[in-house]
Amino acid sequence: MENLMGLLRIRVRKGINLIVCDTVSSDPYVVVTHGKQRVKTRVIKKTCNPVWNDELTLSITNTNDPIVLTVYDKDTFTEDDKMGDAVIDIKPYIECMKMGLENLPNGTKVDRVQPNRENCLADESCIIWNNGKMFQDMCLRLRNVERGEVEVQIEWIDLPGGKSFQC
């Protein structure tokens, strides 16, 4: 783990207007992958608007490797159904971290990221300094599906002796 830069905490907050995979609803959960890592939320039964509020943590060795969020519907007797996916683009967040900002007032908006064809943002996403840490809230529009969004928040966790963002 000598190439470990730090940890990325992903708070998977909620799903919005997810597709129906079962008769009248779904049993959704989220899987986040980065390289060979795979972490997942708990299953929320019988809803297309789940509230997870689960914290997932990934070890980051390369900020260029994609972070993919995939929503599934839990099935008992068959393979789980895929309900869409999105890529979490951390590059704007990392650029803000490289600024080495400190002692900003709580709630300072460091940057705004607009939705475009290269990212999965459904709305503008703000990178905010709060309580000595940088956070980014995102509403991700799911791809490869008719509809659905997932709200997440990311936070970087530095590790002692980690590579961090030294150029």
N, C-alpha and C. Protein backbone atom coordinates (compact mmCIF):
# COMPACT_ATOMS: atom_id res chain seq x y z
N MET A 1 0.81 -1.19 0.00
CA MET A 1 0.00 0.00 0.00
C MET A 1 0.86 1.26 0.00
N GLU A 2 2.10 1.17 -0.50
CA GLU A 2 2.97 2.34 -0.52
C GLU A 2 2.47 3.43 -1.46
N ASN A 3 1.64 3.07 -2.44
CA ASN A 3 1.10 4.05 -3.37
C ASN A 3 -0.21 4.67 -2.89
N LEU A 4 -0.63 4.32 -1.70
CA LEU A 4 -1.89 4.81 -1.16
C LEU A 4 -1.83 6.32 -0.96
N MET A 5 -2.75 7.04 -1.60
CA MET A 5 -2.80 8.49 -1.49
C MET A 5 -3.64 8.93 -0.30
N GLY A 6 -4.71 8.19 -0.06
CA GLY A 6 -5.62 8.52 1.02
C GLY A 6 -6.89 7.72 0.87
N LEU A 7 -7.88 8.10 1.65
CA LEU A 7 -9.17 7.41 1.62
C LEU A 7 -10.24 8.37 1.11
N LEU A 8 -11.20 7.83 0.41
CA LEU A 8 -12.34 8.62 -0.02
C LEU A 8 -13.58 8.06 0.67
N ARG A 9 -14.19 8.91 1.50
CA ARG A 9 -15.44 8.52 2.16
C ARG A 9 -16.58 8.96 1.27
N ILE A 10 -17.46 8.03 0.96
CA ILE A 10 -18.63 8.32 0.13
C ILE A 10 -19.86 8.07 0.97
N ARG A 11 -20.61 9.13 1.22
CA ARG A 11 -21.87 8.99 1.94
C ARG A 11 -22.97 8.83 0.88
N VAL A 12 -23.52 7.64 0.80
CA VAL A 12 -24.61 7.38 -0.14
C VAL A 12 -25.89 7.75 0.61
N ARG A 13 -26.46 8.90 0.25
CA ARG A 13 -27.59 9.42 1.00
C ARG A 13 -28.91 8.79 0.59
N LYS A 14 -29.31 9.00 -0.67
CA LYS A 14 -30.63 8.49 -1.05
C LYS A 14 -30.74 8.33 -2.56
N GLY A 15 -31.73 7.54 -2.95
CA GLY A 15 -32.09 7.38 -4.35
C GLY A 15 -33.38 8.14 -4.61
N ILE A 16 -33.49 8.67 -5.83
CA ILE A 16 -34.67 9.47 -6.19
C ILE A 16 -35.28 8.91 -7.46
N ASN A 17 -36.56 8.55 -7.40
CA ASN A 17 -37.32 8.13 -8.56
C ASN A 17 -36.65 6.99 -9.34
N LEU A 18 -36.19 5.97 -8.59
CA LEU A 18 -35.57 4.81 -9.24
C LEU A 18 -36.64 3.99 -9.96
N ILE A 19 -36.21 3.19 -10.91
CA ILE A 19 -37.16 2.39 -11.68
C ILE A 19 -37.75 1.26 -10.83
N VAL A 20 -38.92 0.80 -11.24
CA VAL A 20 -39.59 -0.33 -10.59
C VAL A 20 -39.05 -1.61 -11.23
N CYS A 21 -38.48 -2.49 -10.42
CA CYS A 21 -37.95 -3.76 -10.94
C CYS A 21 -38.81 -4.95 -10.53
N ASP A 22 -39.51 -4.82 -9.41
CA ASP A 22 -40.39 -5.89 -8.98
C ASP A 22 -41.81 -5.50 -9.40
N THR A 23 -42.81 -6.06 -8.81
CA THR A 23 -44.18 -5.80 -9.24
C THR A 23 -44.58 -4.33 -9.11
N VAL A 24 -44.39 -3.75 -7.93
CA VAL A 24 -44.79 -2.36 -7.71
C VAL A 24 -43.67 -1.46 -7.18
N SER A 25 -42.54 -2.04 -6.82
CA SER A 25 -41.43 -1.23 -6.31
C SER A 25 -40.12 -1.98 -6.55
N SER A 26 -39.11 -1.64 -5.78
CA SER A 26 -37.80 -2.30 -5.89
C SER A 26 -37.20 -2.45 -4.50
N ASP A 27 -36.14 -3.26 -4.40
CA ASP A 27 -35.38 -3.42 -3.17
C ASP A 27 -33.94 -2.99 -3.46
N PRO A 28 -33.71 -1.66 -3.57
CA PRO A 28 -32.43 -1.18 -4.08
C PRO A 28 -31.28 -1.18 -3.06
N TYR A 29 -30.08 -1.36 -3.62
CA TYR A 29 -28.84 -1.15 -2.89
C TYR A 29 -27.82 -0.63 -3.89
N VAL A 30 -26.74 -0.04 -3.37
CA VAL A 30 -25.72 0.58 -4.20
C VAL A 30 -24.39 -0.14 -4.02
N VAL A 31 -23.70 -0.37 -5.13
CA VAL A 31 -22.34 -0.92 -5.12
C VAL A 31 -21.42 0.15 -5.71
N VAL A 32 -20.33 0.45 -5.01
CA VAL A 32 -19.34 1.39 -5.52
C VAL A 32 -18.04 0.61 -5.76
N THR A 33 -17.50 0.75 -6.96
CA THR A 33 -16.26 0.05 -7.31
C THR A 33 -15.19 1.05 -7.71
N HIS A 34 -13.96 0.70 -7.37
CA HIS A 34 -12.77 1.49 -7.73
C HIS A 34 -11.62 0.49 -7.84
N GLY A 35 -11.15 0.25 -9.06
CA GLY A 35 -10.14 -0.79 -9.25
C GLY A 35 -10.72 -2.13 -8.83
N LYS A 36 -10.02 -2.83 -7.94
CA LYS A 36 -10.50 -4.14 -7.47
C LYS A 36 -11.36 -4.03 -6.22
N GLN A 37 -11.53 -2.80 -5.71
CA GLN A 37 -12.35 -2.62 -4.50
C GLN A 37 -13.83 -2.58 -4.85
N ARG A 38 -14.62 -3.13 -3.94
CA ARG A 38 -16.07 -3.15 -4.12
C ARG A 38 -16.70 -3.02 -2.74
N VAL A 39 -17.48 -1.95 -2.55
CA VAL A 39 -18.18 -1.72 -1.28
C VAL A 39 -19.65 -1.49 -1.60
N LYS A 40 -20.52 -1.83 -0.63
CA LYS A 40 -21.94 -1.67 -0.93
C LYS A 40 -22.74 -1.22 0.29
N THR A 41 -23.90 -0.64 -0.03
CA THR A 41 -24.83 -0.20 1.01
C THR A 41 -25.72 -1.38 1.42
N ARG A 42 -26.56 -1.12 2.39
CA ARG A 42 -27.56 -2.11 2.76
C ARG A 42 -28.73 -2.03 1.78
N VAL A 43 -29.54 -3.06 1.76
CA VAL A 43 -30.74 -3.12 0.91
C VAL A 43 -31.88 -2.40 1.63
N ILE A 44 -32.59 -1.54 0.91
CA ILE A 44 -33.79 -0.91 1.45
C ILE A 44 -34.98 -1.54 0.71
N LYS A 45 -35.85 -2.17 1.46
CA LYS A 45 -36.95 -2.95 0.88
C LYS A 45 -38.10 -2.07 0.38
N LYS A 46 -38.69 -2.49 -0.72
CA LYS A 46 -39.96 -2.00 -1.25
C LYS A 46 -40.05 -0.48 -1.38
N THR A 47 -39.10 0.12 -2.12
CA THR A 47 -39.16 1.56 -2.36
C THR A 47 -38.38 1.92 -3.62
N CYS A 48 -38.83 2.98 -4.27
CA CYS A 48 -38.09 3.53 -5.41
C CYS A 48 -37.44 4.86 -5.02
N ASN A 49 -37.57 5.22 -3.74
CA ASN A 49 -36.95 6.43 -3.19
C ASN A 49 -36.26 6.08 -1.86
N PRO A 50 -35.25 5.19 -1.92
CA PRO A 50 -34.61 4.72 -0.69
C PRO A 50 -33.77 5.79 -0.01
N VAL A 51 -33.69 5.72 1.30
CA VAL A 51 -32.80 6.56 2.08
C VAL A 51 -31.80 5.61 2.76
N TRP A 52 -30.54 5.67 2.32
CA TRP A 52 -29.52 4.79 2.89
C TRP A 52 -28.75 5.49 4.01
N ASN A 53 -28.22 6.66 3.73
CA ASN A 53 -27.33 7.35 4.66
C ASN A 53 -26.19 6.44 5.13
N ASP A 54 -25.67 5.64 4.19
CA ASP A 54 -24.57 4.72 4.49
C ASP A 54 -23.24 5.37 4.10
N GLU A 55 -22.19 5.12 4.91
CA GLU A 55 -20.85 5.61 4.60
C GLU A 55 -20.01 4.46 4.08
N LEU A 56 -19.43 4.66 2.89
CA LEU A 56 -18.55 3.67 2.28
C LEU A 56 -17.17 4.31 2.13
N THR A 57 -16.12 3.53 2.27
CA THR A 57 -14.77 4.08 2.18
C THR A 57 -13.94 3.29 1.18
N LEU A 58 -13.26 4.03 0.30
CA LEU A 58 -12.37 3.43 -0.69
C LEU A 58 -10.94 3.90 -0.44
N SER A 59 -9.97 3.02 -0.66
CA SER A 59 -8.56 3.38 -0.64
C SER A 59 -8.20 3.88 -2.04
N ILE A 60 -7.61 5.06 -2.12
CA ILE A 60 -7.30 5.66 -3.41
C ILE A 60 -5.79 5.63 -3.65
N THR A 61 -5.40 4.96 -4.74
CA THR A 61 -3.99 4.94 -5.14
C THR A 61 -3.76 5.73 -6.42
N ASN A 62 -4.83 5.91 -7.20
CA ASN A 62 -4.73 6.65 -8.46
C ASN A 62 -6.04 7.40 -8.66
N THR A 63 -5.97 8.73 -8.67
CA THR A 63 -7.19 9.53 -8.78
C THR A 63 -7.76 9.50 -10.20
N ASN A 64 -7.03 8.94 -11.16
CA ASN A 64 -7.55 8.83 -12.52
C ASN A 64 -8.39 7.58 -12.74
N ASP A 65 -8.29 6.59 -11.83
CA ASP A 65 -9.11 5.39 -11.96
C ASP A 65 -10.57 5.74 -11.67
N PRO A 66 -11.50 5.26 -12.49
CA PRO A 66 -12.90 5.63 -12.30
C PRO A 66 -13.49 5.04 -11.01
N ILE A 67 -14.42 5.80 -10.46
CA ILE A 67 -15.21 5.34 -9.32
C ILE A 67 -16.63 5.19 -9.85
N VAL A 68 -17.10 3.95 -9.89
CA VAL A 68 -18.40 3.67 -10.50
C VAL A 68 -19.41 3.28 -9.43
N LEU A 69 -20.54 3.95 -9.47
CA LEU A 69 -21.65 3.68 -8.57
C LEU A 69 -22.72 2.95 -9.38
N THR A 70 -23.15 1.79 -8.91
CA THR A 70 -24.18 1.02 -9.61
C THR A 70 -25.30 0.69 -8.62
N VAL A 71 -26.54 0.90 -9.06
CA VAL A 71 -27.70 0.58 -8.23
C VAL A 71 -28.27 -0.74 -8.71
N TYR A 72 -28.57 -1.62 -7.76
CA TYR A 72 -29.16 -2.93 -8.05
C TYR A 72 -30.45 -3.10 -7.27
N ASP A 73 -31.30 -3.98 -7.80
CA ASP A 73 -32.51 -4.43 -7.10
C ASP A 73 -32.23 -5.83 -6.58
N LYS A 74 -32.35 -6.00 -5.28
CA LYS A 74 -32.10 -7.30 -4.64
C LYS A 74 -33.24 -8.26 -4.98
N ASP A 75 -32.88 -9.41 -5.51
CA ASP A 75 -33.85 -10.47 -5.80
C ASP A 75 -33.49 -11.70 -4.99
N THR A 76 -34.50 -12.45 -4.60
CA THR A 76 -34.29 -13.63 -3.76
C THR A 76 -33.89 -14.85 -4.58
N PHE A 77 -34.58 -15.11 -5.66
CA PHE A 77 -34.38 -16.36 -6.38
C PHE A 77 -33.65 -16.21 -7.70
N THR A 78 -33.43 -14.97 -8.14
CA THR A 78 -32.73 -14.75 -9.41
C THR A 78 -31.60 -13.76 -9.20
N GLU A 79 -30.82 -13.55 -10.24
CA GLU A 79 -29.73 -12.58 -10.18
C GLU A 79 -30.30 -11.18 -9.96
N ASP A 80 -29.60 -10.37 -9.15
CA ASP A 80 -30.07 -9.02 -8.87
C ASP A 80 -30.12 -8.20 -10.16
N ASP A 81 -31.15 -7.36 -10.29
CA ASP A 81 -31.34 -6.53 -11.49
C ASP A 81 -30.54 -5.25 -11.37
N LYS A 82 -29.90 -4.86 -12.45
CA LYS A 82 -29.18 -3.59 -12.49
C LYS A 82 -30.18 -2.47 -12.74
N MET A 83 -30.10 -1.41 -11.93
CA MET A 83 -31.03 -0.30 -12.02
C MET A 83 -30.36 0.98 -12.52
N GLY A 84 -29.17 0.87 -13.08
CA GLY A 84 -28.45 2.04 -13.59
C GLY A 84 -27.12 2.23 -12.90
N ASP A 85 -26.29 3.08 -13.50
CA ASP A 85 -24.97 3.34 -12.94
C ASP A 85 -24.58 4.79 -13.21
N ALA A 86 -23.53 5.24 -12.53
CA ALA A 86 -23.00 6.59 -12.70
C ALA A 86 -21.53 6.57 -12.32
N VAL A 87 -20.77 7.49 -12.89
CA VAL A 87 -19.36 7.65 -12.52
C VAL A 87 -19.25 8.85 -11.59
N ILE A 88 -18.55 8.65 -10.47
CA ILE A 88 -18.28 9.75 -9.55
C ILE A 88 -16.97 10.39 -10.00
N ASP A 89 -17.07 11.61 -10.53
CA ASP A 89 -15.89 12.33 -11.02
C ASP A 89 -15.28 13.11 -9.86
N ILE A 90 -14.11 12.66 -9.36
CA ILE A 90 -13.49 13.33 -8.23
C ILE A 90 -12.42 14.34 -8.66
N LYS A 91 -12.18 14.49 -9.97
CA LYS A 91 -11.12 15.39 -10.43
C LYS A 91 -11.30 16.85 -9.96
N PRO A 92 -12.50 17.45 -10.10
CA PRO A 92 -12.66 18.83 -9.60
C PRO A 92 -12.41 18.92 -8.08
N TYR A 93 -12.85 17.92 -7.35
CA TYR A 93 -12.64 17.88 -5.90
C TYR A 93 -11.14 17.81 -5.59
N ILE A 94 -10.42 16.96 -6.30
CA ILE A 94 -8.98 16.80 -6.08
C ILE A 94 -8.26 18.12 -6.40
N GLU A 95 -8.68 18.80 -7.47
CA GLU A 95 -8.07 20.09 -7.81
C GLU A 95 -8.24 21.09 -6.66
N CYS A 96 -9.40 21.09 -6.02
CA CYS A 96 -9.61 21.97 -4.86
C CYS A 96 -8.73 21.55 -3.68
N MET A 97 -8.56 20.24 -3.49
CA MET A 97 -7.70 19.76 -2.40
C MET A 97 -6.25 20.18 -2.63
N LYS A 98 -5.82 20.21 -3.88
CA LYS A 98 -4.44 20.60 -4.21
C LYS A 98 -4.16 22.06 -3.88
N MET A 99 -5.19 22.87 -3.73
CA MET A 99 -5.01 24.29 -3.41
C MET A 99 -4.43 24.49 -2.02
N GLY A 100 -4.53 23.47 -1.17
CA GLY A 100 -3.98 23.57 0.19
C GLY A 100 -4.68 24.62 1.04
N LEU A 101 -5.97 24.75 0.87
CA LEU A 101 -6.73 25.76 1.61
C LEU A 101 -6.87 25.37 3.08
N GLU A 102 -6.79 26.37 3.92
CA GLU A 102 -7.00 26.15 5.36
C GLU A 102 -7.63 27.40 5.95
N ASN A 103 -8.23 27.25 7.10
CA ASN A 103 -8.78 28.36 7.87
C ASN A 103 -9.81 29.19 7.11
N LEU A 104 -10.55 28.57 6.23
CA LEU A 104 -11.64 29.26 5.57
C LEU A 104 -12.86 29.27 6.48
N PRO A 105 -13.74 30.25 6.34
CA PRO A 105 -14.97 30.23 7.13
C PRO A 105 -15.83 29.02 6.75
N ASN A 106 -16.54 28.47 7.73
CA ASN A 106 -17.45 27.36 7.46
C ASN A 106 -18.45 27.74 6.38
N GLY A 107 -18.72 26.79 5.49
CA GLY A 107 -19.69 27.02 4.44
C GLY A 107 -19.14 27.70 3.20
N THR A 108 -17.83 27.94 3.15
CA THR A 108 -17.23 28.59 1.98
C THR A 108 -17.33 27.68 0.77
N LYS A 109 -17.91 28.19 -0.33
CA LYS A 109 -17.97 27.44 -1.58
C LYS A 109 -16.65 27.64 -2.31
N VAL A 110 -15.87 26.58 -2.40
CA VAL A 110 -14.56 26.64 -3.02
C VAL A 110 -14.68 26.56 -4.54
N ASP A 111 -15.64 25.77 -5.03
CA ASP A 111 -15.83 25.62 -6.47
C ASP A 111 -17.25 25.14 -6.73
N ARG A 112 -17.69 25.36 -7.97
CA ARG A 112 -18.98 24.85 -8.44
C ARG A 112 -18.71 24.02 -9.68
N VAL A 113 -19.32 22.84 -9.75
CA VAL A 113 -19.15 21.97 -10.90
C VAL A 113 -20.51 21.87 -11.59
N GLN A 114 -20.52 22.19 -12.88
CA GLN A 114 -21.76 22.17 -13.66
C GLN A 114 -21.95 20.81 -14.32
N PRO A 115 -23.20 20.38 -14.49
CA PRO A 115 -23.45 19.14 -15.24
C PRO A 115 -23.01 19.32 -16.70
N ASN A 116 -22.43 18.27 -17.27
CA ASN A 116 -22.06 18.30 -18.69
C ASN A 116 -22.04 16.88 -19.23
N ARG A 117 -21.65 16.72 -20.47
CA ARG A 117 -21.67 15.39 -21.09
C ARG A 117 -20.63 14.45 -20.52
N GLU A 118 -19.59 14.99 -19.88
CA GLU A 118 -18.52 14.16 -19.34
C GLU A 118 -18.79 13.67 -17.93
N ASN A 119 -19.72 14.31 -17.22
CA ASN A 119 -20.00 13.84 -15.86
C ASN A 119 -21.45 13.38 -15.75
N CYS A 120 -21.80 12.79 -14.63
CA CYS A 120 -23.15 12.27 -14.43
C CYS A 120 -23.98 13.16 -13.53
N LEU A 121 -23.55 14.41 -13.36
CA LEU A 121 -24.28 15.30 -12.46
C LEU A 121 -25.65 15.65 -13.02
N ALA A 122 -26.65 15.62 -12.14
CA ALA A 122 -28.00 16.02 -12.51
C ALA A 122 -28.18 17.52 -12.28
N ASP A 123 -27.47 18.07 -11.31
CA ASP A 123 -27.54 19.49 -10.94
C ASP A 123 -26.13 20.00 -10.64
N GLU A 124 -26.03 21.32 -10.48
CA GLU A 124 -24.77 21.92 -10.06
C GLU A 124 -24.32 21.28 -8.74
N SER A 125 -23.03 21.05 -8.63
CA SER A 125 -22.45 20.44 -7.44
C SER A 125 -21.44 21.40 -6.84
N CYS A 126 -21.58 21.69 -5.56
CA CYS A 126 -20.67 22.62 -4.89
C CYS A 126 -19.65 21.87 -4.04
N ILE A 127 -18.41 22.36 -4.09
CA ILE A 127 -17.35 21.85 -3.22
C ILE A 127 -17.23 22.87 -2.09
N ILE A 128 -17.46 22.41 -0.87
CA ILE A 128 -17.61 23.31 0.27
C ILE A 128 -16.62 22.98 1.37
N TRP A 129 -16.06 24.03 1.97
CA TRP A 129 -15.17 23.91 3.13
C TRP A 129 -16.04 24.03 4.38
N ASN A 130 -15.97 23.02 5.26
CA ASN A 130 -16.76 23.04 6.49
C ASN A 130 -16.02 22.31 7.59
N ASN A 131 -15.88 22.94 8.73
CA ASN A 131 -15.23 22.33 9.90
C ASN A 131 -13.85 21.76 9.58
N GLY A 132 -13.08 22.51 8.80
CA GLY A 132 -11.70 22.10 8.51
C GLY A 132 -11.58 21.00 7.47
N LYS A 133 -12.67 20.70 6.75
CA LYS A 133 -12.64 19.65 5.74
C LYS A 133 -13.34 20.12 4.47
N MET A 134 -13.00 19.46 3.37
CA MET A 134 -13.62 19.75 2.09
C MET A 134 -14.65 18.65 1.79
N PHE A 135 -15.85 19.06 1.38
CA PHE A 135 -16.92 18.13 1.04
C PHE A 135 -17.46 18.49 -0.34
N GLN A 136 -17.97 17.48 -1.05
CA GLN A 136 -18.69 17.75 -2.28
C GLN A 136 -19.98 16.94 -2.28
N ASP A 137 -21.08 17.65 -2.40
CA ASP A 137 -22.39 17.00 -2.54
C ASP A 137 -22.69 16.86 -4.02
N MET A 138 -23.20 15.70 -4.41
CA MET A 138 -23.51 15.44 -5.81
C MET A 138 -24.86 14.75 -5.92
N CYS A 139 -25.61 15.14 -6.94
CA CYS A 139 -26.80 14.40 -7.33
C CYS A 139 -26.46 13.79 -8.69
N LEU A 140 -26.30 12.47 -8.71
CA LEU A 140 -25.85 11.77 -9.91
C LEU A 140 -27.04 11.20 -10.69
N ARG A 141 -27.09 11.51 -11.97
CA ARG A 141 -28.13 10.95 -12.84
C ARG A 141 -27.64 9.57 -13.29
N LEU A 142 -28.48 8.56 -13.09
CA LEU A 142 -28.10 7.20 -13.47
C LEU A 142 -28.12 7.04 -14.99
N ARG A 143 -27.14 6.31 -15.50
CA ARG A 143 -27.06 6.01 -16.93
C ARG A 143 -27.62 4.61 -17.19
N ASN A 144 -27.86 4.33 -18.47
CA ASN A 144 -28.29 3.00 -18.92
C ASN A 144 -29.61 2.57 -18.29
N VAL A 145 -30.47 3.56 -18.04
CA VAL A 145 -31.78 3.31 -17.44
C VAL A 145 -32.66 4.52 -17.76
N GLU A 146 -33.99 4.33 -17.72
CA GLU A 146 -34.89 5.42 -18.09
C GLU A 146 -34.83 6.60 -17.14
N ARG A 147 -34.65 6.34 -15.85
CA ARG A 147 -34.67 7.43 -14.87
C ARG A 147 -33.98 6.99 -13.59
N GLY A 148 -33.80 7.95 -12.71
CA GLY A 148 -33.24 7.68 -11.39
C GLY A 148 -32.01 8.52 -11.11
N GLU A 149 -31.91 8.95 -9.86
CA GLU A 149 -30.77 9.72 -9.39
C GLU A 149 -30.36 9.20 -8.02
N VAL A 150 -29.08 9.42 -7.68
CA VAL A 150 -28.57 9.05 -6.37
C VAL A 150 -27.81 10.24 -5.81
N GLU A 151 -28.13 10.63 -4.57
CA GLU A 151 -27.42 11.72 -3.90
C GLU A 151 -26.29 11.13 -3.07
N VAL A 152 -25.08 11.69 -3.27
CA VAL A 152 -23.91 11.27 -2.51
C VAL A 152 -23.13 12.49 -2.04
N GLN A 153 -22.28 12.27 -1.06
CA GLN A 153 -21.33 13.28 -0.62
C GLN A 153 -19.97 12.61 -0.53
N ILE A 154 -18.92 13.30 -1.01
CA ILE A 154 -17.58 12.74 -0.89
C ILE A 154 -16.74 13.61 0.04
N GLU A 155 -15.79 12.94 0.70
CA GLU A 155 -14.87 13.60 1.63
C GLU A 155 -13.54 12.86 1.57
N TRP A 156 -12.45 13.62 1.43
CA TRP A 156 -11.10 13.03 1.40
C TRP A 156 -10.58 12.88 2.82
N ILE A 157 -9.92 11.75 3.09
CA ILE A 157 -9.29 11.52 4.38
C ILE A 157 -7.81 11.28 4.14
N ASP A 158 -6.97 12.22 4.60
CA ASP A 158 -5.52 12.07 4.48
C ASP A 158 -5.04 10.98 5.42
N LEU A 159 -4.00 10.28 5.00
CA LEU A 159 -3.39 9.26 5.85
C LEU A 159 -1.97 9.68 6.18
N PRO A 160 -1.51 9.43 7.42
CA PRO A 160 -0.12 9.74 7.74
C PRO A 160 0.81 8.97 6.81
N GLY A 161 1.73 9.67 6.18
CA GLY A 161 2.69 9.02 5.28
C GLY A 161 2.13 8.72 3.92
N GLY A 162 0.88 9.13 3.64
CA GLY A 162 0.29 8.89 2.33
C GLY A 162 0.90 9.79 1.28
N LYS A 163 0.78 9.40 0.01
CA LYS A 163 1.32 10.18 -1.11
C LYS A 163 0.67 11.55 -1.22
N SER A 164 -0.58 11.62 -0.87
CA SER A 164 -1.39 12.83 -0.94
C SER A 164 -1.32 13.47 -2.32
N PHE A 165 -1.30 14.80 -2.38
CA PHE A 165 -1.39 15.48 -3.68
C PHE A 165 -0.11 16.22 -4.03
N GLN A 166 1.03 15.68 -3.61
CA GLN A 166 2.29 16.34 -3.92
C GLN A 166 2.56 16.22 -5.42
N CYS A 167 2.93 17.35 -6.00
CA CYS A 167 3.18 17.36 -7.44
C CYS A 167 4.63 17.04 -7.74
